[in-house]
Amino acid sequence: MSASDQEQAVTDPSPVRTGGLTPRQARRLRIAAASVLMVAVGAVLAVRLASRSSVLVVGVYGLALILCGGVIELSRRGRTRLGTWLLVASLAAAVAADAFLIP
């Protein structure tokens, strides 16, 4: 392979996709998922406040809502992997706090 062939192979992107999502589709999917989860967390917060009003309930679910908003902003800026990990970790922490901390 000559130097010009190698140079052209490096500069010309391959038009064939191997599968998966484009970065734009991934961002939109994360934004949609975080928005749906934000609505779900808001609904759970309303149900929990109807049954028992506690500052801890508001704190746990309020923090989860804030983190969902942060994930939306991270996804808008192209940090989809970081946003996905943050979303999973925050929702797992909220569920664990609800199960073990809130009486």
PDB file of N, CA and C in Angstrom:
ATOM      1  N   MET A   1       0.847  -1.158   0.000  1.00  0.00           N
ATOM      2  CA  MET A   1       0.000   0.000   0.000  1.00  0.00           C
ATOM      3  C   MET A   1       0.898   1.227   0.000  1.00  0.00           C
ATOM      4  N   SER A   2       0.650   2.139  -0.929  1.00  0.00           N
ATOM      5  CA  SER A   2       1.489   3.327  -1.027  1.00  0.00           C
ATOM      6  C   SER A   2       1.066   4.372   0.001  1.00  0.00           C
ATOM      7  N   ALA A   3       1.867   5.402   0.132  1.00  0.00           N
ATOM      8  CA  ALA A   3       1.597   6.467   1.108  1.00  0.00           C
ATOM      9  C   ALA A   3       0.328   7.217   0.759  1.00  0.00           C
ATOM     10  N   SER A   4       0.056   7.414  -0.526  1.00  0.00           N
ATOM     11  CA  SER A   4      -1.160   8.141  -0.911  1.00  0.00           C
ATOM     12  C   SER A   4      -2.411   7.308  -0.621  1.00  0.00           C
ATOM     13  N   ASP A   5      -2.316   5.971  -0.760  1.00  0.00           N
ATOM     14  CA  ASP A   5      -3.446   5.110  -0.424  1.00  0.00           C
ATOM     15  C   ASP A   5      -3.732   5.142   1.070  1.00  0.00           C
ATOM     16  N   GLN A   6      -2.684   5.126   1.863  1.00  0.00           N
ATOM     17  CA  GLN A   6      -2.861   5.200   3.315  1.00  0.00           C
ATOM     18  C   GLN A   6      -3.433   6.546   3.721  1.00  0.00           C
ATOM     19  N   GLU A   7      -2.960   7.602   3.081  1.00  0.00           N
ATOM     20  CA  GLU A   7      -3.447   8.944   3.399  1.00  0.00           C
ATOM     21  C   GLU A   7      -4.924   9.076   3.054  1.00  0.00           C
ATOM     22  N   GLN A   8      -5.324   8.528   1.902  1.00  0.00           N
ATOM     23  CA  GLN A   8      -6.719   8.597   1.498  1.00  0.00           C
ATOM     24  C   GLN A   8      -7.588   7.738   2.410  1.00  0.00           C
ATOM     25  N   ALA A   9      -7.086   6.610   2.857  1.00  0.00           N
ATOM     26  CA  ALA A   9      -7.845   5.739   3.759  1.00  0.00           C
ATOM     27  C   ALA A   9      -8.077   6.409   5.101  1.00  0.00           C
ATOM     28  N   VAL A  10      -7.124   7.218   5.532  1.00  0.00           N
ATOM     29  CA  VAL A  10      -7.265   7.911   6.805  1.00  0.00           C
ATOM     30  C   VAL A  10      -8.218   9.086   6.682  1.00  0.00           C
ATOM     31  N   THR A  11      -8.164   9.825   5.586  1.00  0.00           N
ATOM     32  CA  THR A  11      -8.970  11.038   5.448  1.00  0.00           C
ATOM     33  C   THR A  11     -10.393  10.764   4.987  1.00  0.00           C
ATOM     34  N   ASP A  12     -10.640   9.715   4.249  1.00  0.00           N
ATOM     35  CA  ASP A  12     -11.990   9.423   3.764  1.00  0.00           C
ATOM     36  C   ASP A  12     -12.736   8.555   4.771  1.00  0.00           C
ATOM     37  N   PRO A  13     -13.806   9.073   5.369  1.00  0.00           N
ATOM     38  CA  PRO A  13     -14.568   8.240   6.299  1.00  0.00           C
ATOM     39  C   PRO A  13     -15.345   7.177   5.537  1.00  0.00           C
ATOM     40  N   SER A  14     -15.530   6.084   6.162  1.00  0.00           N
ATOM     41  CA  SER A  14     -16.278   4.989   5.560  1.00  0.00           C
ATOM     42  C   SER A  14     -17.769   5.315   5.575  1.00  0.00           C
ATOM     43  N   PRO A  15     -18.440   5.251   4.442  1.00  0.00           N
ATOM     44  CA  PRO A  15     -19.854   5.574   4.403  1.00  0.00           C
ATOM     45  C   PRO A  15     -20.741   4.467   4.974  1.00  0.00           C
ATOM     46  N   VAL A  16     -20.182   3.304   5.222  1.00  0.00           N
ATOM     47  CA  VAL A  16     -20.962   2.177   5.709  1.00  0.00           C
ATOM     48  C   VAL A  16     -21.018   2.210   7.231  1.00  0.00           C
ATOM     49  N   ARG A  17     -22.237   2.212   7.777  1.00  0.00           N
ATOM     50  CA  ARG A  17     -22.399   2.158   9.231  1.00  0.00           C
ATOM     51  C   ARG A  17     -22.521   0.701   9.650  1.00  0.00           C
ATOM     52  N   THR A  18     -21.963   0.407  10.785  1.00  0.00           N
ATOM     53  CA  THR A  18     -21.994  -0.972  11.257  1.00  0.00           C
ATOM     54  C   THR A  18     -23.186  -1.237  12.166  1.00  0.00           C
ATOM     55  N   GLY A  19     -24.016  -0.264  12.399  1.00  0.00           N
ATOM     56  CA  GLY A  19     -25.170  -0.441  13.279  1.00  0.00           C
ATOM     57  C   GLY A  19     -25.092   0.497  14.453  1.00  0.00           C
ATOM     58  N   GLY A  20     -26.141   0.513  15.258  1.00  0.00           N
ATOM     59  CA  GLY A  20     -26.153   1.389  16.412  1.00  0.00           C
ATOM     60  C   GLY A  20     -26.810   2.711  16.078  1.00  0.00           C
ATOM     61  N   LEU A  21     -26.717   3.617  17.015  1.00  0.00           N
ATOM     62  CA  LEU A  21     -27.346   4.917  16.873  1.00  0.00           C
ATOM     63  C   LEU A  21     -26.329   5.973  16.483  1.00  0.00           C
ATOM     64  N   THR A  22     -26.795   6.969  15.761  1.00  0.00           N
ATOM     65  CA  THR A  22     -25.950   8.118  15.499  1.00  0.00           C
ATOM     66  C   THR A  22     -25.877   8.932  16.789  1.00  0.00           C
ATOM     67  N   PRO A  23     -24.891   9.808  16.913  1.00  0.00           N
ATOM     68  CA  PRO A  23     -24.808  10.620  18.133  1.00  0.00           C
ATOM     69  C   PRO A  23     -26.057  11.462  18.380  1.00  0.00           C
ATOM     70  N   ARG A  24     -26.639  11.994  17.341  1.00  0.00           N
ATOM     71  CA  ARG A  24     -27.868  12.782  17.497  1.00  0.00           C
ATOM     72  C   ARG A  24     -29.017  11.917  18.011  1.00  0.00           C
ATOM     73  N   GLN A  25     -29.161  10.704  17.467  1.00  0.00           N
ATOM     74  CA  GLN A  25     -30.210   9.803  17.933  1.00  0.00           C
ATOM     75  C   GLN A  25     -29.978   9.395  19.378  1.00  0.00           C
ATOM     76  N   ALA A  26     -28.731   9.169  19.749  1.00  0.00           N
ATOM     77  CA  ALA A  26     -28.415   8.801  21.132  1.00  0.00           C
ATOM     78  C   ALA A  26     -28.768   9.931  22.087  1.00  0.00           C
ATOM     79  N   ARG A  27     -28.445  11.165  21.702  1.00  0.00           N
ATOM     80  CA  ARG A  27     -28.790  12.314  22.549  1.00  0.00           C
ATOM     81  C   ARG A  27     -30.292  12.440  22.703  1.00  0.00           C
ATOM     82  N   ARG A  28     -31.011  12.317  21.612  1.00  0.00           N
ATOM     83  CA  ARG A  28     -32.475  12.430  21.682  1.00  0.00           C
ATOM     84  C   ARG A  28     -33.088  11.302  22.507  1.00  0.00           C
ATOM     85  N   LEU A  29     -32.541  10.110  22.399  1.00  0.00           N
ATOM     86  CA  LEU A  29     -33.043   8.988  23.189  1.00  0.00           C
ATOM     87  C   LEU A  29     -32.800   9.219  24.675  1.00  0.00           C
ATOM     88  N   ARG A  30     -31.630   9.703  25.050  1.00  0.00           N
ATOM     89  CA  ARG A  30     -31.346   9.979  26.467  1.00  0.00           C
ATOM     90  C   ARG A  30     -32.214  11.108  26.996  1.00  0.00           C
ATOM     91  N   ILE A  31     -32.433  12.133  26.185  1.00  0.00           N
ATOM     92  CA  ILE A  31     -33.292  13.239  26.601  1.00  0.00           C
ATOM     93  C   ILE A  31     -34.717  12.750  26.808  1.00  0.00           C
ATOM     94  N   ALA A  32     -35.199  11.917  25.895  1.00  0.00           N
ATOM     95  CA  ALA A  32     -36.557  11.385  26.034  1.00  0.00           C
ATOM     96  C   ALA A  32     -36.674  10.482  27.259  1.00  0.00           C
ATOM     97  N   ALA A  33     -35.676   9.636  27.475  1.00  0.00           N
ATOM     98  CA  ALA A  33     -35.714   8.735  28.631  1.00  0.00           C
ATOM     99  C   ALA A  33     -35.675   9.521  29.938  1.00  0.00           C
ATOM    100  N   ALA A  34     -34.813  10.522  30.012  1.00  0.00           N
ATOM    101  CA  ALA A  34     -34.726  11.329  31.229  1.00  0.00           C
ATOM    102  C   ALA A  34     -36.012  12.119  31.455  1.00  0.00           C
ATOM    103  N   SER A  35     -36.640  12.580  30.389  1.00  0.00           N
ATOM    104  CA  SER A  35     -37.901  13.313  30.530  1.00  0.00           C
ATOM    105  C   SER A  35     -39.017  12.417  31.036  1.00  0.00           C
ATOM    106  N   VAL A  36     -39.096  11.210  30.497  1.00  0.00           N
ATOM    107  CA  VAL A  36     -40.112  10.257  30.953  1.00  0.00           C
ATOM    108  C   VAL A  36     -39.879   9.885  32.416  1.00  0.00           C
ATOM    109  N   LEU A  37     -38.627   9.647  32.769  1.00  0.00           N
ATOM    110  CA  LEU A  37     -38.317   9.313  34.156  1.00  0.00           C
ATOM    111  C   LEU A  37     -38.555  10.491  35.089  1.00  0.00           C
ATOM    112  N   MET A  38     -38.354  11.693  34.591  1.00  0.00           N
ATOM    113  CA  MET A  38     -38.622  12.881  35.404  1.00  0.00           C
ATOM    114  C   MET A  38     -40.112  12.976  35.724  1.00  0.00           C
ATOM    115  N   VAL A  39     -40.952  12.713  34.744  1.00  0.00           N
ATOM    116  CA  VAL A  39     -42.407  12.719  34.962  1.00  0.00           C
ATOM    117  C   VAL A  39     -42.793  11.607  35.939  1.00  0.00           C
ATOM    118  N   ALA A  40     -42.185  10.429  35.790  1.00  0.00           N
ATOM    119  CA  ALA A  40     -42.488   9.312  36.685  1.00  0.00           C
ATOM    120  C   ALA A  40     -42.068   9.622  38.120  1.00  0.00           C
ATOM    121  N   VAL A  41     -40.897  10.207  38.298  1.00  0.00           N
ATOM    122  CA  VAL A  41     -40.421  10.564  39.639  1.00  0.00           C
ATOM    123  C   VAL A  41     -41.336  11.632  40.242  1.00  0.00           C
ATOM    124  N   GLY A  42     -41.789  12.574  39.424  1.00  0.00           N
ATOM    125  CA  GLY A  42     -42.724  13.584  39.912  1.00  0.00           C
ATOM    126  C   GLY A  42     -44.039  12.972  40.363  1.00  0.00           C
ATOM    127  N   ALA A  43     -44.527  11.975  39.625  1.00  0.00           N
ATOM    128  CA  ALA A  43     -45.764  11.302  40.013  1.00  0.00           C
ATOM    129  C   ALA A  43     -45.574  10.519  41.312  1.00  0.00           C
ATOM    130  N   VAL A  44     -44.455   9.832  41.453  1.00  0.00           N
ATOM    131  CA  VAL A  44     -44.180   9.093  42.690  1.00  0.00           C
ATOM    132  C   VAL A  44     -44.049  10.055  43.865  1.00  0.00           C
ATOM    133  N   LEU A  45     -43.436  11.203  43.622  1.00  0.00           N
ATOM    134  CA  LEU A  45     -43.322  12.216  44.675  1.00  0.00           C
ATOM    135  C   LEU A  45     -44.700  12.684  45.130  1.00  0.00           C
ATOM    136  N   ALA A  46     -45.591  12.912  44.191  1.00  0.00           N
ATOM    137  CA  ALA A  46     -46.943  13.345  44.548  1.00  0.00           C
ATOM    138  C   ALA A  46     -47.674  12.271  45.345  1.00  0.00           C
ATOM    139  N   VAL A  47     -47.510  11.018  44.962  1.00  0.00           N
ATOM    140  CA  VAL A  47     -48.159   9.920  45.689  1.00  0.00           C
ATOM    141  C   VAL A  47     -47.574   9.785  47.091  1.00  0.00           C
ATOM    142  N   ARG A  48     -46.254   9.867  47.190  1.00  0.00           N
ATOM    143  CA  ARG A  48     -45.606   9.753  48.512  1.00  0.00           C
ATOM    144  C   ARG A  48     -45.994  10.910  49.423  1.00  0.00           C
ATOM    145  N   LEU A  49     -46.111  12.104  48.889  1.00  0.00           N
ATOM    146  CA  LEU A  49     -46.501  13.243  49.710  1.00  0.00           C
ATOM    147  C   LEU A  49     -47.959  13.148  50.144  1.00  0.00           C
ATOM    148  N   ALA A  50     -48.794  12.513  49.339  1.00  0.00           N
ATOM    149  CA  ALA A  50     -50.195  12.335  49.723  1.00  0.00           C
ATOM    150  C   ALA A  50     -50.315  11.363  50.892  1.00  0.00           C
ATOM    151  N   SER A  51     -49.450  10.346  50.920  1.00  0.00           N
ATOM    152  CA  SER A  51     -49.543   9.354  51.985  1.00  0.00           C
ATOM    153  C   SER A  51     -48.800   9.788  53.248  1.00  0.00           C
ATOM    154  N   ARG A  52     -47.667  10.452  53.101  1.00  0.00           N
ATOM    155  CA  ARG A  52     -46.918  10.946  54.260  1.00  0.00           C
ATOM    156  C   ARG A  52     -46.078  12.142  53.832  1.00  0.00           C
ATOM    157  N   SER A  53     -46.207  13.203  54.567  1.00  0.00           N
ATOM    158  CA  SER A  53     -45.423  14.391  54.223  1.00  0.00           C
ATOM    159  C   SER A  53     -44.168  14.407  55.087  1.00  0.00           C
ATOM    160  N   SER A  54     -43.056  14.219  54.453  1.00  0.00           N
ATOM    161  CA  SER A  54     -41.782  14.175  55.143  1.00  0.00           C
ATOM    162  C   SER A  54     -40.770  14.989  54.346  1.00  0.00           C
ATOM    163  N   VAL A  55     -39.897  15.650  55.053  1.00  0.00           N
ATOM    164  CA  VAL A  55     -38.845  16.412  54.387  1.00  0.00           C
ATOM    165  C   VAL A  55     -37.902  15.458  53.657  1.00  0.00           C
ATOM    166  N   LEU A  56     -37.713  14.273  54.197  1.00  0.00           N
ATOM    167  CA  LEU A  56     -36.840  13.292  53.570  1.00  0.00           C
ATOM    168  C   LEU A  56     -37.401  12.841  52.219  1.00  0.00           C
ATOM    169  N   VAL A  57     -38.724  12.670  52.139  1.00  0.00           N
ATOM    170  CA  VAL A  57     -39.353  12.287  50.870  1.00  0.00           C
ATOM    171  C   VAL A  57     -39.115  13.371  49.823  1.00  0.00           C
ATOM    172  N   VAL A  58     -39.362  14.608  50.216  1.00  0.00           N
ATOM    173  CA  VAL A  58     -39.162  15.719  49.289  1.00  0.00           C
ATOM    174  C   VAL A  58     -37.691  15.819  48.889  1.00  0.00           C
ATOM    175  N   GLY A  59     -36.795  15.608  49.834  1.00  0.00           N
ATOM    176  CA  GLY A  59     -35.362  15.678  49.537  1.00  0.00           C
ATOM    177  C   GLY A  59     -34.907  14.615  48.570  1.00  0.00           C
ATOM    178  N   VAL A  60     -35.328  13.379  48.814  1.00  0.00           N
ATOM    179  CA  VAL A  60     -34.889  12.264  47.964  1.00  0.00           C
ATOM    180  C   VAL A  60     -35.427  12.428  46.546  1.00  0.00           C
ATOM    181  N   TYR A  61     -36.722  12.656  46.436  1.00  0.00           N
ATOM    182  CA  TYR A  61     -37.307  12.755  45.102  1.00  0.00           C
ATOM    183  C   TYR A  61     -36.999  14.092  44.438  1.00  0.00           C
ATOM    184  N   GLY A  62     -36.825  15.141  45.225  1.00  0.00           N
ATOM    185  CA  GLY A  62     -36.400  16.413  44.652  1.00  0.00           C
ATOM    186  C   GLY A  62     -35.008  16.307  44.056  1.00  0.00           C
ATOM    187  N   LEU A  63     -34.110  15.619  44.752  1.00  0.00           N
ATOM    188  CA  LEU A  63     -32.763  15.402  44.222  1.00  0.00           C
ATOM    189  C   LEU A  63     -32.808  14.560  42.948  1.00  0.00           C
ATOM    190  N   ALA A  64     -33.676  13.557  42.923  1.00  0.00           N
ATOM    191  CA  ALA A  64     -33.810  12.739  41.708  1.00  0.00           C
ATOM    192  C   ALA A  64     -34.323  13.580  40.541  1.00  0.00           C
ATOM    193  N   LEU A  65     -35.250  14.488  40.807  1.00  0.00           N
ATOM    194  CA  LEU A  65     -35.741  15.378  39.746  1.00  0.00           C
ATOM    195  C   LEU A  65     -34.640  16.302  39.240  1.00  0.00           C
ATOM    196  N   ILE A  66     -33.853  16.830  40.154  1.00  0.00           N
ATOM    197  CA  ILE A  66     -32.741  17.697  39.757  1.00  0.00           C
ATOM    198  C   ILE A  66     -31.731  16.929  38.920  1.00  0.00           C
ATOM    199  N   LEU A  67     -31.425  15.706  39.310  1.00  0.00           N
ATOM    200  CA  LEU A  67     -30.465  14.905  38.550  1.00  0.00           C
ATOM    201  C   LEU A  67     -31.009  14.533  37.172  1.00  0.00           C
ATOM    202  N   CYS A  68     -32.319  14.290  37.056  1.00  0.00           N
ATOM    203  CA  CYS A  68     -32.903  14.032  35.735  1.00  0.00           C
ATOM    204  C   CYS A  68     -32.752  15.264  34.842  1.00  0.00           C
ATOM    205  N   GLY A  69     -32.956  16.439  35.408  1.00  0.00           N
ATOM    206  CA  GLY A  69     -32.732  17.668  34.649  1.00  0.00           C
ATOM    207  C   GLY A  69     -31.283  17.829  34.242  1.00  0.00           C
ATOM    208  N   GLY A  70     -30.378  17.452  35.126  1.00  0.00           N
ATOM    209  CA  GLY A  70     -28.955  17.489  34.792  1.00  0.00           C
ATOM    210  C   GLY A  70     -28.602  16.537  33.668  1.00  0.00           C
ATOM    211  N   VAL A  71     -29.236  15.381  33.657  1.00  0.00           N
ATOM    212  CA  VAL A  71     -28.994  14.409  32.581  1.00  0.00           C
ATOM    213  C   VAL A  71     -29.488  14.969  31.250  1.00  0.00           C
ATOM    214  N   ILE A  72     -30.621  15.646  31.272  1.00  0.00           N
ATOM    215  CA  ILE A  72     -31.117  16.251  30.038  1.00  0.00           C
ATOM    216  C   ILE A  72     -30.113  17.280  29.526  1.00  0.00           C
ATOM    217  N   GLU A  73     -29.596  18.097  30.409  1.00  0.00           N
ATOM    218  CA  GLU A  73     -28.621  19.107  29.994  1.00  0.00           C
ATOM    219  C   GLU A  73     -27.319  18.460  29.512  1.00  0.00           C
ATOM    220  N   LEU A  74     -26.846  17.424  30.198  1.00  0.00           N
ATOM    221  CA  LEU A  74     -25.645  16.722  29.737  1.00  0.00           C
ATOM    222  C   LEU A  74     -25.863  16.117  28.354  1.00  0.00           C
ATOM    223  N   SER A  75     -27.034  15.554  28.118  1.00  0.00           N
ATOM    224  CA  SER A  75     -27.324  14.956  26.813  1.00  0.00           C
ATOM    225  C   SER A  75     -27.395  16.023  25.730  1.00  0.00           C
ATOM    226  N   ARG A  76     -27.930  17.183  26.063  1.00  0.00           N
ATOM    227  CA  ARG A  76     -27.974  18.272  25.091  1.00  0.00           C
ATOM    228  C   ARG A  76     -26.573  18.695  24.672  1.00  0.00           C
ATOM    229  N   ARG A  77     -25.632  18.609  25.608  1.00  0.00           N
ATOM    230  CA  ARG A  77     -24.260  19.026  25.327  1.00  0.00           C
ATOM    231  C   ARG A  77     -23.392  17.902  24.771  1.00  0.00           C
ATOM    232  N   GLY A  78     -23.992  16.723  24.545  1.00  0.00           N
ATOM    233  CA  GLY A  78     -23.256  15.631  23.916  1.00  0.00           C
ATOM    234  C   GLY A  78     -22.579  14.676  24.876  1.00  0.00           C
ATOM    235  N   ARG A  79     -22.829  14.787  26.165  1.00  0.00           N
ATOM    236  CA  ARG A  79     -22.206  13.903  27.152  1.00  0.00           C
ATOM    237  C   ARG A  79     -23.183  12.773  27.503  1.00  0.00           C
ATOM    238  N   THR A  80     -23.559  11.975  26.499  1.00  0.00           N
ATOM    239  CA  THR A  80     -24.618  10.991  26.681  1.00  0.00           C
ATOM    240  C   THR A  80     -24.201   9.839  27.591  1.00  0.00           C
ATOM    241  N   ARG A  81     -22.976   9.382  27.501  1.00  0.00           N
ATOM    242  CA  ARG A  81     -22.548   8.271  28.361  1.00  0.00           C
ATOM    243  C   ARG A  81     -22.519   8.693  29.819  1.00  0.00           C
ATOM    244  N   LEU A  82     -21.965   9.856  30.080  1.00  0.00           N
ATOM    245  CA  LEU A  82     -21.943  10.373  31.445  1.00  0.00           C
ATOM    246  C   LEU A  82     -23.370  10.577  31.954  1.00  0.00           C
ATOM    247  N   GLY A  83     -24.224  11.109  31.099  1.00  0.00           N
ATOM    248  CA  GLY A  83     -25.619  11.311  31.472  1.00  0.00           C
ATOM    249  C   GLY A  83     -26.339  10.015  31.771  1.00  0.00           C
ATOM    250  N   THR A  84     -26.058   8.986  30.995  1.00  0.00           N
ATOM    251  CA  THR A  84     -26.697   7.690  31.229  1.00  0.00           C
ATOM    252  C   THR A  84     -26.258   7.100  32.563  1.00  0.00           C
ATOM    253  N   TRP A  85     -24.980   7.148  32.859  1.00  0.00           N
ATOM    254  CA  TRP A  85     -24.493   6.628  34.138  1.00  0.00           C
ATOM    255  C   TRP A  85     -25.065   7.413  35.307  1.00  0.00           C
ATOM    256  N   LEU A  86     -25.140   8.722  35.151  1.00  0.00           N
ATOM    257  CA  LEU A  86     -25.700   9.566  36.200  1.00  0.00           C
ATOM    258  C   LEU A  86     -27.176   9.258  36.416  1.00  0.00           C
ATOM    259  N   LEU A  87     -27.910   9.051  35.327  1.00  0.00           N
ATOM    260  CA  LEU A  87     -29.332   8.733  35.426  1.00  0.00           C
ATOM    261  C   LEU A  87     -29.553   7.400  36.137  1.00  0.00           C
ATOM    262  N   VAL A  88     -28.810   6.398  35.755  1.00  0.00           N
ATOM    263  CA  VAL A  88     -28.951   5.079  36.381  1.00  0.00           C
ATOM    264  C   VAL A  88     -28.577   5.136  37.861  1.00  0.00           C
ATOM    265  N   ALA A  89     -27.459   5.785  38.160  1.00  0.00           N
ATOM    266  CA  ALA A  89     -27.012   5.863  39.549  1.00  0.00           C
ATOM    267  C   ALA A  89     -27.980   6.659  40.414  1.00  0.00           C
ATOM    268  N   SER A  90     -28.498   7.758  39.887  1.00  0.00           N
ATOM    269  CA  SER A  90     -29.403   8.585  40.694  1.00  0.00           C
ATOM    270  C   SER A  90     -30.728   7.893  40.938  1.00  0.00           C
ATOM    271  N   LEU A  91     -31.246   7.222  39.942  1.00  0.00           N
ATOM    272  CA  LEU A  91     -32.519   6.526  40.146  1.00  0.00           C
ATOM    273  C   LEU A  91     -32.355   5.311  41.052  1.00  0.00           C
ATOM    274  N   ALA A  92     -31.239   4.624  40.948  1.00  0.00           N
ATOM    275  CA  ALA A  92     -30.977   3.511  41.859  1.00  0.00           C
ATOM    276  C   ALA A  92     -30.842   4.010  43.293  1.00  0.00           C
ATOM    277  N   ALA A  93     -30.173   5.143  43.465  1.00  0.00           N
ATOM    278  CA  ALA A  93     -30.029   5.717  44.804  1.00  0.00           C
ATOM    279  C   ALA A  93     -31.370   6.175  45.354  1.00  0.00           C
ATOM    280  N   ALA A  94     -32.221   6.756  44.514  1.00  0.00           N
ATOM    281  CA  ALA A  94     -33.544   7.202  44.964  1.00  0.00           C
ATOM    282  C   ALA A  94     -34.412   6.009  45.381  1.00  0.00           C
ATOM    283  N   VAL A  95     -34.369   4.947  44.601  1.00  0.00           N
ATOM    284  CA  VAL A  95     -35.154   3.756  44.950  1.00  0.00           C
ATOM    285  C   VAL A  95     -34.631   3.123  46.234  1.00  0.00           C
ATOM    286  N   ALA A  96     -33.304   3.050  46.374  1.00  0.00           N
ATOM    287  CA  ALA A  96     -32.729   2.488  47.590  1.00  0.00           C
ATOM    288  C   ALA A  96     -33.039   3.347  48.804  1.00  0.00           C
ATOM    289  N   ALA A  97     -32.977   4.662  48.653  1.00  0.00           N
ATOM    290  CA  ALA A  97     -33.303   5.557  49.769  1.00  0.00           C
ATOM    291  C   ALA A  97     -34.771   5.438  50.154  1.00  0.00           C
ATOM    292  N   ASP A  98     -35.637   5.286  49.165  1.00  0.00           N
ATOM    293  CA  ASP A  98     -37.065   5.122  49.445  1.00  0.00           C
ATOM    294  C   ASP A  98     -37.318   3.812  50.181  1.00  0.00           C
ATOM    295  N   ALA A  99     -36.614   2.779  49.784  1.00  0.00           N
ATOM    296  CA  ALA A  99     -36.847   1.478  50.405  1.00  0.00           C
ATOM    297  C   ALA A  99     -36.248   1.366  51.805  1.00  0.00           C
ATOM    298  N   PHE A 100     -35.089   1.978  52.032  1.00  0.00           N
ATOM    299  CA  PHE A 100     -34.383   1.753  53.285  1.00  0.00           C
ATOM    300  C   PHE A 100     -34.368   2.941  54.246  1.00  0.00           C
ATOM    301  N   LEU A 101     -34.481   4.175  53.755  1.00  0.00           N
ATOM    302  CA  LEU A 101     -34.365   5.326  54.621  1.00  0.00           C
ATOM    303  C   LEU A 101     -35.698   5.920  55.047  1.00  0.00           C
ATOM    304  N   ILE A 102     -36.647   5.937  54.127  1.00  0.00           N
ATOM    305  CA  ILE A 102     -37.925   6.592  54.412  1.00  0.00           C
ATOM    306  C   ILE A 102     -38.843   5.621  55.148  1.00  0.00           C
ATOM    307  N   PRO A 103     -39.284   6.023  56.344  1.00  0.00           N
ATOM    308  CA  PRO A 103     -40.130   5.093  57.122  1.00  0.00           C
ATOM    309  C   PRO A 103     -41.510   4.923  56.544  1.00  0.00           C
TER     310      PRO A 103
END
